[in-house]
Amino acid sequence: MKIYIKYMVSRRCKLMVKAELAALGICHSIIELGEVELDDDLTEEQRELLHLALLKSGLELMEDKKAQLIEKIKTTIIEMIYNDEDVPKLTNSAFLEEKLAYDYTYLANIFSEVTATTVEHYIIAHKIERVKELLIYDELTLTQISHLLNYSSVAHLSFQFKKVTGLTASFFKGLKHKKRVPLEDV
């Protein structure tokens, strides 16, 4: 049985879910961002206990099919942006189609309808947060960051960074109190 969990966007979230499942004695085989493969079906009591335990951790058990698809889109985008080892060389739309096995237009329409933002704006917001993170770490040049995040050029990255943050990337890099936004708030 597969269950879907809203706001599960990081390794820390996966660890929290694993701990909650263990505490409730629920056996699982795979924990991915946004979804968990359980060994057995949940009883109503287990479902309610898990729902309450997840809420305490800031997570939410999802039942609605549209909500599950939106969460899959979000986690796929987050994996695409934060996975350093396997930078996709596809367009964002082709990547989402390949990973989710749905037509991009359908995914984009559902996403916009439910979240009141476009898939592209969501991707840009996460890419800019990733750029901020990489600038703070100060291990890569802006050229390397633009390549890592599949930007067409450093100029494109710089333009987008300034448009979203109101700051140039170099000015941001020099700030003492650099502000980042938690993934679940992007």
C-alpha atoms as a PDB file:
ATOM      1  CA  MET A   1       0.000   0.000   0.000  1.00  0.00           C
ATOM      2  CA  LYS A   2       1.251   3.470  -0.844  1.00  0.00           C
ATOM      3  CA  ILE A   3       0.465   6.562   1.229  1.00  0.00           C
ATOM      4  CA  TYR A   4       1.168  10.174   0.335  1.00  0.00           C
ATOM      5  CA  ILE A   5       2.422  12.801   2.757  1.00  0.00           C
ATOM      6  CA  LYS A   6       2.170  16.550   2.226  1.00  0.00           C
ATOM      7  CA  TYR A   7       5.132  18.862   3.061  1.00  0.00           C
ATOM      8  CA  MET A   8       7.594  15.947   3.063  1.00  0.00           C
ATOM      9  CA  VAL A   9      10.366  17.762   1.187  1.00  0.00           C
ATOM     10  CA  SER A  10      13.683  16.899   2.827  1.00  0.00           C
ATOM     11  CA  ARG A  11      15.810  14.113   4.259  1.00  0.00           C
ATOM     12  CA  ARG A  12      14.898  15.339   7.735  1.00  0.00           C
ATOM     13  CA  CYS A  13      11.203  14.874   6.885  1.00  0.00           C
ATOM     14  CA  LYS A  14      11.942  11.333   5.728  1.00  0.00           C
ATOM     15  CA  LEU A  15      13.652  10.620   9.060  1.00  0.00           C
ATOM     16  CA  MET A  16      10.693  12.034  10.992  1.00  0.00           C
ATOM     17  CA  VAL A  17       8.242   9.876   9.023  1.00  0.00           C
ATOM     18  CA  LYS A  18      10.420   6.806   9.541  1.00  0.00           C
ATOM     19  CA  ALA A  19      10.470   7.465  13.300  1.00  0.00           C
ATOM     20  CA  GLU A  20       6.688   7.970  13.442  1.00  0.00           C
ATOM     21  CA  LEU A  21       6.071   4.756  11.504  1.00  0.00           C
ATOM     22  CA  ALA A  22       8.417   2.847  13.812  1.00  0.00           C
ATOM     23  CA  ALA A  23       6.738   4.304  16.911  1.00  0.00           C
ATOM     24  CA  LEU A  24       3.352   3.145  15.608  1.00  0.00           C
ATOM     25  CA  GLY A  25       4.689  -0.278  14.590  1.00  0.00           C
ATOM     26  CA  ILE A  26       3.822   0.270  10.933  1.00  0.00           C
ATOM     27  CA  CYS A  27       6.154  -1.670   8.625  1.00  0.00           C
ATOM     28  CA  HIS A  28       7.337  -0.038   5.423  1.00  0.00           C
ATOM     29  CA  SER A  29       9.666  -0.910   2.593  1.00  0.00           C
ATOM     30  CA  ILE A  30      10.407   2.423   0.880  1.00  0.00           C
ATOM     31  CA  ILE A  31      10.287   6.040   2.027  1.00  0.00           C
ATOM     32  CA  GLU A  32      10.592   8.666  -0.711  1.00  0.00           C
ATOM     33  CA  LEU A  33       9.852  12.375  -0.652  1.00  0.00           C
ATOM     34  CA  GLY A  34       6.075  12.669  -0.398  1.00  0.00           C
ATOM     35  CA  GLU A  35       5.296   8.962  -0.419  1.00  0.00           C
ATOM     36  CA  VAL A  36       5.782   5.796   1.596  1.00  0.00           C
ATOM     37  CA  GLU A  37       5.364   2.198   0.485  1.00  0.00           C
ATOM     38  CA  LEU A  38       3.823   0.232   3.358  1.00  0.00           C
ATOM     39  CA  ASP A  39       4.069  -3.545   3.746  1.00  0.00           C
ATOM     40  CA  ASP A  40       0.386  -3.861   4.741  1.00  0.00           C
ATOM     41  CA  ASP A  41      -2.800  -1.830   4.487  1.00  0.00           C
ATOM     42  CA  LEU A  42      -3.503   0.599   7.322  1.00  0.00           C
ATOM     43  CA  THR A  43      -6.406   0.038   9.685  1.00  0.00           C
ATOM     44  CA  GLU A  44      -8.627   3.067  10.352  1.00  0.00           C
ATOM     45  CA  GLU A  45      -7.071   3.349  13.827  1.00  0.00           C
ATOM     46  CA  GLN A  46      -3.515   3.248  12.420  1.00  0.00           C
ATOM     47  CA  ARG A  47      -4.440   5.823   9.770  1.00  0.00           C
ATOM     48  CA  GLU A  48      -5.840   8.193  12.411  1.00  0.00           C
ATOM     49  CA  LEU A  49      -2.827   7.741  14.735  1.00  0.00           C
ATOM     50  CA  LEU A  50      -0.417   8.302  11.844  1.00  0.00           C
ATOM     51  CA  HIS A  51      -2.398  11.360  10.719  1.00  0.00           C
ATOM     52  CA  LEU A  52      -2.143  12.891  14.217  1.00  0.00           C
ATOM     53  CA  ALA A  53       1.550  12.005  14.601  1.00  0.00           C
ATOM     54  CA  LEU A  54       2.388  13.566  11.228  1.00  0.00           C
ATOM     55  CA  LEU A  55       0.462  16.739  12.056  1.00  0.00           C
ATOM     56  CA  LYS A  56       2.625  17.193  15.178  1.00  0.00           C
ATOM     57  CA  SER A  57       5.674  17.074  12.915  1.00  0.00           C
ATOM     58  CA  GLY A  58       4.224  19.616  10.477  1.00  0.00           C
ATOM     59  CA  LEU A  59       3.347  16.961   7.886  1.00  0.00           C
ATOM     60  CA  GLU A  60      -0.023  15.841   6.610  1.00  0.00           C
ATOM     61  CA  LEU A  61      -1.446  12.555   5.341  1.00  0.00           C
ATOM     62  CA  MET A  62      -3.145  13.112   1.972  1.00  0.00           C
ATOM     63  CA  GLU A  63      -6.262  11.393   0.699  1.00  0.00           C
ATOM     64  CA  ASP A  64      -7.275  13.538  -2.294  1.00  0.00           C
ATOM     65  CA  LYS A  65      -5.937  12.351  -5.683  1.00  0.00           C
ATOM     66  CA  LYS A  66      -5.381  15.913  -6.967  1.00  0.00           C
ATOM     67  CA  ALA A  67      -3.481  16.810  -3.802  1.00  0.00           C
ATOM     68  CA  GLN A  68      -1.357  13.689  -4.230  1.00  0.00           C
ATOM     69  CA  LEU A  69      -0.494  14.641  -7.798  1.00  0.00           C
ATOM     70  CA  ILE A  70       0.377  18.216  -6.756  1.00  0.00           C
ATOM     71  CA  GLU A  71       2.632  16.848  -4.036  1.00  0.00           C
ATOM     72  CA  LYS A  72       4.304  14.524  -6.569  1.00  0.00           C
ATOM     73  CA  ILE A  73       4.916  17.504  -8.854  1.00  0.00           C
ATOM     74  CA  LYS A  74       6.420  19.511  -5.982  1.00  0.00           C
ATOM     75  CA  THR A  75       8.674  16.709  -4.759  1.00  0.00           C
ATOM     76  CA  THR A  76       9.820  15.940  -8.315  1.00  0.00           C
ATOM     77  CA  ILE A  77      10.752  19.601  -8.803  1.00  0.00           C
ATOM     78  CA  ILE A  78      12.598  19.693  -5.477  1.00  0.00           C
ATOM     79  CA  GLU A  79      14.486  16.500  -6.343  1.00  0.00           C
ATOM     80  CA  MET A  80      15.334  17.956  -9.769  1.00  0.00           C
ATOM     81  CA  ILE A  81      16.777  21.141  -8.255  1.00  0.00           C
ATOM     82  CA  TYR A  82      18.515  19.708  -5.194  1.00  0.00           C
ATOM     83  CA  ASN A  83      19.948  16.536  -6.752  1.00  0.00           C
ATOM     84  CA  ASP A  84      23.558  17.535  -7.495  1.00  0.00           C
ATOM     85  CA  GLU A  85      24.604  14.193  -8.961  1.00  0.00           C
ATOM     86  CA  ASP A  86      22.081  13.925 -11.773  1.00  0.00           C
ATOM     87  CA  VAL A  87      21.379  17.317 -13.302  1.00  0.00           C
ATOM     88  CA  PRO A  88      18.692  16.768 -15.944  1.00  0.00           C
ATOM     89  CA  LYS A  89      19.599  18.134 -19.346  1.00  0.00           C
ATOM     90  CA  LEU A  90      15.945  18.129 -20.373  1.00  0.00           C
ATOM     91  CA  THR A  91      13.575  21.044 -20.329  1.00  0.00           C
ATOM     92  CA  ASN A  92      11.570  21.330 -17.130  1.00  0.00           C
ATOM     93  CA  SER A  93       8.420  20.232 -18.928  1.00  0.00           C
ATOM     94  CA  ALA A  94      10.089  17.170 -20.503  1.00  0.00           C
ATOM     95  CA  PHE A  95      11.627  16.215 -17.150  1.00  0.00           C
ATOM     96  CA  LEU A  96       8.247  16.371 -15.363  1.00  0.00           C
ATOM     97  CA  GLU A  97       6.518  14.434 -18.159  1.00  0.00           C
ATOM     98  CA  GLU A  98       9.183  11.731 -18.008  1.00  0.00           C
ATOM     99  CA  LYS A  99       9.184  11.409 -14.214  1.00  0.00           C
ATOM    100  CA  LEU A 100       5.420  11.596 -13.660  1.00  0.00           C
ATOM    101  CA  ALA A 101       4.112   9.969 -16.866  1.00  0.00           C
ATOM    102  CA  TYR A 102       1.557  12.712 -17.502  1.00  0.00           C
ATOM    103  CA  ASP A 103       1.276  15.324 -20.224  1.00  0.00           C
ATOM    104  CA  TYR A 104       2.933  18.559 -19.076  1.00  0.00           C
ATOM    105  CA  THR A 105      -0.081  20.690 -20.035  1.00  0.00           C
ATOM    106  CA  TYR A 106      -2.287  18.561 -17.773  1.00  0.00           C
ATOM    107  CA  LEU A 107       0.239  18.803 -14.914  1.00  0.00           C
ATOM    108  CA  ALA A 108       0.616  22.564 -15.358  1.00  0.00           C
ATOM    109  CA  ASN A 109      -3.142  23.163 -15.464  1.00  0.00           C
ATOM    110  CA  ILE A 110      -3.838  21.096 -12.341  1.00  0.00           C
ATOM    111  CA  PHE A 111      -0.903  22.700 -10.510  1.00  0.00           C
ATOM    112  CA  SER A 112      -2.068  26.227 -11.353  1.00  0.00           C
ATOM    113  CA  GLU A 113      -5.671  25.436 -10.471  1.00  0.00           C
ATOM    114  CA  VAL A 114      -4.802  24.081  -7.024  1.00  0.00           C
ATOM    115  CA  THR A 115      -1.814  26.226  -5.990  1.00  0.00           C
ATOM    116  CA  ALA A 116      -2.660  29.548  -7.686  1.00  0.00           C
ATOM    117  CA  THR A 117       0.873  29.696  -9.132  1.00  0.00           C
ATOM    118  CA  THR A 118       2.453  28.220 -12.226  1.00  0.00           C
ATOM    119  CA  VAL A 119       4.846  25.294 -12.326  1.00  0.00           C
ATOM    120  CA  GLU A 120       7.496  27.570 -13.833  1.00  0.00           C
ATOM    121  CA  HIS A 121       7.165  30.131 -11.032  1.00  0.00           C
ATOM    122  CA  TYR A 122       7.438  27.313  -8.489  1.00  0.00           C
ATOM    123  CA  ILE A 123      10.592  26.018 -10.219  1.00  0.00           C
ATOM    124  CA  ILE A 124      12.117  29.509 -10.380  1.00  0.00           C
ATOM    125  CA  ALA A 125      11.403  30.123  -6.680  1.00  0.00           C
ATOM    126  CA  HIS A 126      13.147  26.877  -5.735  1.00  0.00           C
ATOM    127  CA  LYS A 127      16.055  27.491  -8.076  1.00  0.00           C
ATOM    128  CA  ILE A 128      16.638  30.915  -6.538  1.00  0.00           C
ATOM    129  CA  GLU A 129      16.581  29.408  -3.034  1.00  0.00           C
ATOM    130  CA  ARG A 130      19.113  26.837  -4.220  1.00  0.00           C
ATOM    131  CA  VAL A 131      21.279  29.610  -5.694  1.00  0.00           C
ATOM    132  CA  LYS A 132      21.145  31.427  -2.327  1.00  0.00           C
ATOM    133  CA  GLU A 133      22.202  28.245  -0.561  1.00  0.00           C
ATOM    134  CA  LEU A 134      25.120  27.688  -2.933  1.00  0.00           C
ATOM    135  CA  LEU A 135      26.208  31.332  -2.677  1.00  0.00           C
ATOM    136  CA  ILE A 136      26.185  31.078   1.127  1.00  0.00           C
ATOM    137  CA  TYR A 137      28.346  27.927   0.999  1.00  0.00           C
ATOM    138  CA  ASP A 138      30.784  29.863  -1.212  1.00  0.00           C
ATOM    139  CA  GLU A 139      32.178  26.676  -2.790  1.00  0.00           C
ATOM    140  CA  LEU A 140      31.085  27.284  -6.400  1.00  0.00           C
ATOM    141  CA  THR A 141      31.394  30.205  -8.760  1.00  0.00           C
ATOM    142  CA  LEU A 142      28.294  31.750 -10.299  1.00  0.00           C
ATOM    143  CA  THR A 143      29.247  30.085 -13.588  1.00  0.00           C
ATOM    144  CA  GLN A 144      29.371  26.674 -11.891  1.00  0.00           C
ATOM    145  CA  ILE A 145      26.055  27.340 -10.149  1.00  0.00           C
ATOM    146  CA  SER A 146      24.397  28.326 -13.435  1.00  0.00           C
ATOM    147  CA  HIS A 147      25.645  25.100 -15.033  1.00  0.00           C
ATOM    148  CA  LEU A 148      24.593  22.996 -12.036  1.00  0.00           C
ATOM    149  CA  LEU A 149      21.051  24.383 -12.140  1.00  0.00           C
ATOM    150  CA  ASN A 150      20.781  24.075 -15.928  1.00  0.00           C
ATOM    151  CA  TYR A 151      20.588  27.799 -16.722  1.00  0.00           C
ATOM    152  CA  SER A 152      21.344  28.751 -20.308  1.00  0.00           C
ATOM    153  CA  SER A 153      23.893  31.341 -19.129  1.00  0.00           C
ATOM    154  CA  VAL A 154      25.225  33.200 -16.100  1.00  0.00           C
ATOM    155  CA  ALA A 155      23.428  36.292 -17.397  1.00  0.00           C
ATOM    156  CA  HIS A 156      20.095  34.440 -17.335  1.00  0.00           C
ATOM    157  CA  LEU A 157      20.709  33.273 -13.760  1.00  0.00           C
ATOM    158  CA  SER A 158      21.776  36.777 -12.683  1.00  0.00           C
ATOM    159  CA  PHE A 159      18.716  38.375 -14.299  1.00  0.00           C
ATOM    160  CA  GLN A 160      16.357  35.879 -12.665  1.00  0.00           C
ATOM    161  CA  PHE A 161      18.070  36.223  -9.262  1.00  0.00           C
ATOM    162  CA  LYS A 162      17.751  40.021  -9.360  1.00  0.00           C
ATOM    163  CA  LYS A 163      14.136  39.833 -10.554  1.00  0.00           C
ATOM    164  CA  VAL A 164      13.107  37.512  -7.706  1.00  0.00           C
ATOM    165  CA  THR A 165      15.222  38.872  -4.829  1.00  0.00           C
ATOM    166  CA  GLY A 166      15.780  42.486  -5.864  1.00  0.00           C
ATOM    167  CA  LEU A 167      19.512  41.952  -5.277  1.00  0.00           C
ATOM    168  CA  THR A 168      22.391  41.001  -7.498  1.00  0.00           C
ATOM    169  CA  ALA A 169      23.959  37.629  -6.760  1.00  0.00           C
ATOM    170  CA  SER A 170      27.298  39.253  -5.874  1.00  0.00           C
ATOM    171  CA  PHE A 171      25.611  41.711  -3.487  1.00  0.00           C
ATOM    172  CA  PHE A 172      23.727  38.825  -1.844  1.00  0.00           C
ATOM    173  CA  LYS A 173      26.975  36.882  -1.489  1.00  0.00           C
ATOM    174  CA  GLY A 174      28.493  39.837   0.401  1.00  0.00           C
ATOM    175  CA  LEU A 175      25.627  40.223   2.883  1.00  0.00           C
ATOM    176  CA  LYS A 176      26.405  39.270   6.456  1.00  0.00           C
ATOM    177  CA  HIS A 177      22.855  38.191   7.344  1.00  0.00           C
ATOM    178  CA  LYS A 178      21.790  36.127   4.368  1.00  0.00           C
ATOM    179  CA  LYS A 179      18.121  35.220   4.394  1.00  0.00           C
ATOM    180  CA  ARG A 180      16.896  31.943   3.024  1.00  0.00           C
ATOM    181  CA  VAL A 181      13.384  30.567   2.972  1.00  0.00           C
ATOM    182  CA  PRO A 182      12.599  27.047   4.257  1.00  0.00           C
ATOM    183  CA  LEU A 183      11.671  24.669   1.421  1.00  0.00           C
ATOM    184  CA  GLU A 184       8.139  24.148   2.656  1.00  0.00           C
ATOM    185  CA  ASP A 185       7.531  27.930   2.531  1.00  0.00           C
ATOM    186  CA  VAL A 186       8.746  28.437  -1.052  1.00  0.00           C
END
